N, C-alpha and C. Protein backbone atom coordinates (compact mmCIF):
# COMPACT_ATOMS: atom_id res chain seq x y z
N MET A 1 -5.17 -23.95 4.25
CA MET A 1 -6.06 -24.47 3.25
C MET A 1 -7.09 -23.38 2.91
N ARG A 2 -7.29 -23.18 1.65
CA ARG A 2 -8.23 -22.15 1.19
C ARG A 2 -9.65 -22.67 1.25
N GLN A 3 -10.56 -21.83 1.76
CA GLN A 3 -11.96 -22.21 1.83
C GLN A 3 -12.60 -22.06 0.45
N PRO A 4 -13.51 -22.98 0.11
CA PRO A 4 -14.20 -22.84 -1.18
C PRO A 4 -15.13 -21.64 -1.15
N GLU A 5 -15.32 -21.03 -2.30
CA GLU A 5 -16.23 -19.90 -2.41
C GLU A 5 -17.67 -20.39 -2.31
N VAL A 6 -18.52 -19.56 -1.75
CA VAL A 6 -19.94 -19.87 -1.71
C VAL A 6 -20.52 -19.50 -3.06
N LEU A 7 -21.17 -20.46 -3.68
CA LEU A 7 -21.78 -20.21 -4.98
C LEU A 7 -23.09 -19.45 -4.81
N PRO A 8 -23.46 -18.66 -5.80
CA PRO A 8 -24.76 -18.00 -5.72
C PRO A 8 -25.86 -19.07 -5.61
N ILE A 9 -26.80 -18.82 -4.75
CA ILE A 9 -27.86 -19.80 -4.51
C ILE A 9 -29.18 -19.18 -4.91
N ASN A 10 -29.95 -19.93 -5.66
CA ASN A 10 -31.27 -19.49 -6.09
C ASN A 10 -32.29 -20.04 -5.12
N LEU A 11 -32.91 -19.16 -4.34
CA LEU A 11 -33.91 -19.58 -3.37
C LEU A 11 -35.33 -19.38 -3.90
N SER A 12 -35.47 -19.15 -5.19
CA SER A 12 -36.79 -18.88 -5.75
C SER A 12 -37.73 -20.08 -5.63
N HIS A 13 -37.17 -21.28 -5.53
CA HIS A 13 -38.01 -22.47 -5.39
C HIS A 13 -38.45 -22.69 -3.94
N THR A 14 -37.89 -21.94 -3.01
CA THR A 14 -38.28 -22.03 -1.60
C THR A 14 -38.46 -20.64 -1.00
N PRO A 15 -39.29 -19.80 -1.63
CA PRO A 15 -39.38 -18.41 -1.17
C PRO A 15 -40.00 -18.25 0.22
N THR A 16 -40.64 -19.29 0.73
CA THR A 16 -41.27 -19.19 2.05
C THR A 16 -40.58 -20.08 3.08
N ASN A 17 -39.39 -20.54 2.78
CA ASN A 17 -38.66 -21.41 3.70
C ASN A 17 -37.68 -20.55 4.51
N ALA A 18 -38.11 -20.17 5.70
CA ALA A 18 -37.29 -19.31 6.56
C ALA A 18 -35.96 -19.98 6.89
N TYR A 19 -35.96 -21.29 7.07
CA TYR A 19 -34.71 -21.98 7.43
C TYR A 19 -33.69 -21.94 6.30
N ALA A 20 -34.15 -21.92 5.06
CA ALA A 20 -33.22 -21.82 3.93
C ALA A 20 -32.49 -20.47 4.00
N TYR A 21 -33.23 -19.40 4.24
CA TYR A 21 -32.60 -18.07 4.35
C TYR A 21 -31.73 -17.97 5.59
N TYR A 22 -32.20 -18.52 6.69
CA TYR A 22 -31.41 -18.50 7.93
C TYR A 22 -30.09 -19.24 7.73
N ASN A 23 -30.16 -20.45 7.19
CA ASN A 23 -28.95 -21.26 7.01
C ASN A 23 -27.98 -20.61 6.04
N LEU A 24 -28.51 -19.99 5.00
CA LEU A 24 -27.63 -19.27 4.09
C LEU A 24 -26.97 -18.09 4.80
N GLY A 25 -27.73 -17.42 5.66
CA GLY A 25 -27.16 -16.34 6.46
C GLY A 25 -26.02 -16.82 7.33
N VAL A 26 -26.18 -17.99 7.92
CA VAL A 26 -25.12 -18.56 8.77
C VAL A 26 -23.85 -18.81 7.95
N VAL A 27 -24.00 -19.41 6.77
CA VAL A 27 -22.84 -19.70 5.92
C VAL A 27 -22.14 -18.41 5.50
N ILE A 28 -22.94 -17.44 5.09
CA ILE A 28 -22.37 -16.16 4.65
C ILE A 28 -21.72 -15.44 5.83
N HIS A 29 -22.36 -15.52 6.99
CA HIS A 29 -21.81 -14.90 8.21
C HIS A 29 -20.44 -15.49 8.54
N GLU A 30 -20.32 -16.79 8.43
CA GLU A 30 -19.04 -17.45 8.70
C GLU A 30 -17.95 -16.98 7.75
N LYS A 31 -18.35 -16.54 6.56
CA LYS A 31 -17.38 -16.02 5.58
C LYS A 31 -17.11 -14.53 5.80
N ARG A 32 -17.71 -13.97 6.88
CA ARG A 32 -17.50 -12.57 7.28
C ARG A 32 -18.12 -11.59 6.29
N GLN A 33 -19.11 -12.01 5.54
CA GLN A 33 -19.84 -11.12 4.64
C GLN A 33 -21.08 -10.64 5.39
N LEU A 34 -20.85 -9.73 6.31
CA LEU A 34 -21.87 -9.37 7.29
C LEU A 34 -23.09 -8.70 6.69
N ASP A 35 -22.91 -7.79 5.76
CA ASP A 35 -24.07 -7.12 5.18
C ASP A 35 -25.01 -8.11 4.51
N GLU A 36 -24.46 -9.04 3.79
CA GLU A 36 -25.27 -10.05 3.12
C GLU A 36 -25.93 -11.00 4.13
N ALA A 37 -25.19 -11.38 5.15
CA ALA A 37 -25.75 -12.24 6.20
C ALA A 37 -26.92 -11.55 6.89
N ILE A 38 -26.76 -10.27 7.17
CA ILE A 38 -27.84 -9.50 7.81
C ILE A 38 -29.08 -9.53 6.94
N THR A 39 -28.91 -9.39 5.65
CA THR A 39 -30.05 -9.42 4.72
C THR A 39 -30.76 -10.76 4.80
N TYR A 40 -30.02 -11.85 4.83
CA TYR A 40 -30.63 -13.18 4.88
C TYR A 40 -31.31 -13.44 6.22
N TYR A 41 -30.71 -13.00 7.31
CA TYR A 41 -31.36 -13.17 8.62
C TYR A 41 -32.68 -12.39 8.67
N LYS A 42 -32.66 -11.18 8.14
CA LYS A 42 -33.89 -10.37 8.15
C LYS A 42 -34.97 -11.00 7.28
N LYS A 43 -34.58 -11.58 6.16
CA LYS A 43 -35.55 -12.27 5.30
C LYS A 43 -36.14 -13.47 6.03
N ALA A 44 -35.33 -14.22 6.73
CA ALA A 44 -35.81 -15.37 7.49
C ALA A 44 -36.82 -14.92 8.54
N ILE A 45 -36.53 -13.83 9.21
CA ILE A 45 -37.43 -13.30 10.24
C ILE A 45 -38.74 -12.81 9.62
N GLN A 46 -38.63 -12.20 8.45
CA GLN A 46 -39.83 -11.74 7.76
C GLN A 46 -40.76 -12.92 7.45
N ILE A 47 -40.18 -14.05 7.06
CA ILE A 47 -40.98 -15.23 6.74
C ILE A 47 -41.50 -15.90 8.00
N ASP A 48 -40.63 -16.02 9.01
CA ASP A 48 -41.01 -16.69 10.27
C ASP A 48 -40.60 -15.81 11.45
N PRO A 49 -41.52 -14.98 11.93
CA PRO A 49 -41.20 -14.07 13.03
C PRO A 49 -40.90 -14.77 14.36
N ASN A 50 -41.02 -16.08 14.42
CA ASN A 50 -40.73 -16.83 15.64
C ASN A 50 -39.41 -17.60 15.57
N LEU A 51 -38.60 -17.30 14.59
CA LEU A 51 -37.32 -18.01 14.41
C LEU A 51 -36.26 -17.36 15.30
N THR A 52 -36.21 -17.81 16.54
CA THR A 52 -35.36 -17.21 17.56
C THR A 52 -33.90 -17.12 17.14
N ASP A 53 -33.36 -18.18 16.56
CA ASP A 53 -31.95 -18.19 16.18
C ASP A 53 -31.62 -17.09 15.16
N ALA A 54 -32.57 -16.77 14.29
CA ALA A 54 -32.33 -15.71 13.30
C ALA A 54 -32.18 -14.36 13.99
N TYR A 55 -33.02 -14.09 15.00
CA TYR A 55 -32.91 -12.86 15.76
C TYR A 55 -31.55 -12.79 16.47
N TYR A 56 -31.18 -13.90 17.09
CA TYR A 56 -29.92 -13.93 17.85
C TYR A 56 -28.71 -13.72 16.92
N ASN A 57 -28.67 -14.47 15.81
CA ASN A 57 -27.54 -14.33 14.90
C ASN A 57 -27.52 -12.97 14.23
N LEU A 58 -28.70 -12.41 13.98
CA LEU A 58 -28.77 -11.06 13.44
C LEU A 58 -28.17 -10.08 14.45
N GLY A 59 -28.48 -10.25 15.71
CA GLY A 59 -27.88 -9.42 16.74
C GLY A 59 -26.36 -9.51 16.75
N ILE A 60 -25.85 -10.71 16.61
CA ILE A 60 -24.40 -10.90 16.57
C ILE A 60 -23.79 -10.18 15.37
N ALA A 61 -24.39 -10.37 14.19
CA ALA A 61 -23.86 -9.74 12.98
C ALA A 61 -23.89 -8.22 13.11
N LEU A 62 -24.98 -7.69 13.64
CA LEU A 62 -25.08 -6.24 13.82
C LEU A 62 -24.05 -5.74 14.84
N GLN A 63 -23.83 -6.50 15.89
CA GLN A 63 -22.82 -6.14 16.88
C GLN A 63 -21.43 -6.11 16.23
N GLU A 64 -21.16 -7.10 15.40
CA GLU A 64 -19.87 -7.14 14.71
C GLU A 64 -19.72 -5.96 13.75
N GLU A 65 -20.82 -5.43 13.27
CA GLU A 65 -20.80 -4.24 12.41
C GLU A 65 -20.84 -2.95 13.23
N GLU A 66 -20.79 -3.10 14.56
CA GLU A 66 -20.81 -1.99 15.52
C GLU A 66 -22.11 -1.18 15.44
N GLN A 67 -23.19 -1.87 15.10
CA GLN A 67 -24.52 -1.29 15.12
C GLN A 67 -25.18 -1.74 16.43
N PHE A 68 -24.68 -1.23 17.52
CA PHE A 68 -25.00 -1.76 18.84
C PHE A 68 -26.47 -1.60 19.23
N GLU A 69 -27.06 -0.45 18.97
CA GLU A 69 -28.46 -0.24 19.36
C GLU A 69 -29.39 -1.21 18.64
N GLU A 70 -29.17 -1.37 17.35
CA GLU A 70 -30.00 -2.31 16.59
C GLU A 70 -29.74 -3.74 17.04
N ALA A 71 -28.50 -4.07 17.35
CA ALA A 71 -28.16 -5.41 17.84
C ALA A 71 -28.92 -5.71 19.13
N ILE A 72 -28.96 -4.75 20.03
CA ILE A 72 -29.66 -4.94 21.30
C ILE A 72 -31.14 -5.21 21.06
N THR A 73 -31.72 -4.51 20.11
CA THR A 73 -33.13 -4.72 19.77
C THR A 73 -33.39 -6.17 19.37
N TYR A 74 -32.52 -6.72 18.54
CA TYR A 74 -32.72 -8.09 18.08
C TYR A 74 -32.41 -9.11 19.17
N TYR A 75 -31.43 -8.83 20.00
CA TYR A 75 -31.19 -9.71 21.15
C TYR A 75 -32.42 -9.75 22.05
N GLN A 76 -33.01 -8.60 22.30
CA GLN A 76 -34.20 -8.55 23.16
C GLN A 76 -35.36 -9.31 22.54
N LYS A 77 -35.52 -9.21 21.23
CA LYS A 77 -36.58 -9.96 20.55
C LYS A 77 -36.33 -11.46 20.69
N ALA A 78 -35.09 -11.87 20.57
CA ALA A 78 -34.76 -13.30 20.71
C ALA A 78 -35.11 -13.79 22.11
N LEU A 79 -34.82 -12.97 23.11
CA LEU A 79 -35.12 -13.36 24.50
C LEU A 79 -36.62 -13.46 24.77
N ARG A 80 -37.40 -12.65 24.08
CA ARG A 80 -38.84 -12.67 24.28
C ARG A 80 -39.52 -13.90 23.66
N LEU A 81 -38.87 -14.51 22.71
CA LEU A 81 -39.50 -15.67 22.02
C LEU A 81 -39.38 -16.94 22.83
């Protein structure tokens, strides 16, 4: 069964909602669009620096991109929260 495409989402009405960016990152990550997912996780962290799951998922995405040193940095940040 073919998965439906993710439609472009306008987050301009929720520019300060870290969970909106985080959740979009999760959906994009599941579609294996890692660069875009990384962007959304970083935006979520920028809005809410205490969003532990965003740090953790960002670490996973970076690890999958074989950016191991940066991934470790985000895993460590997640552990500190």
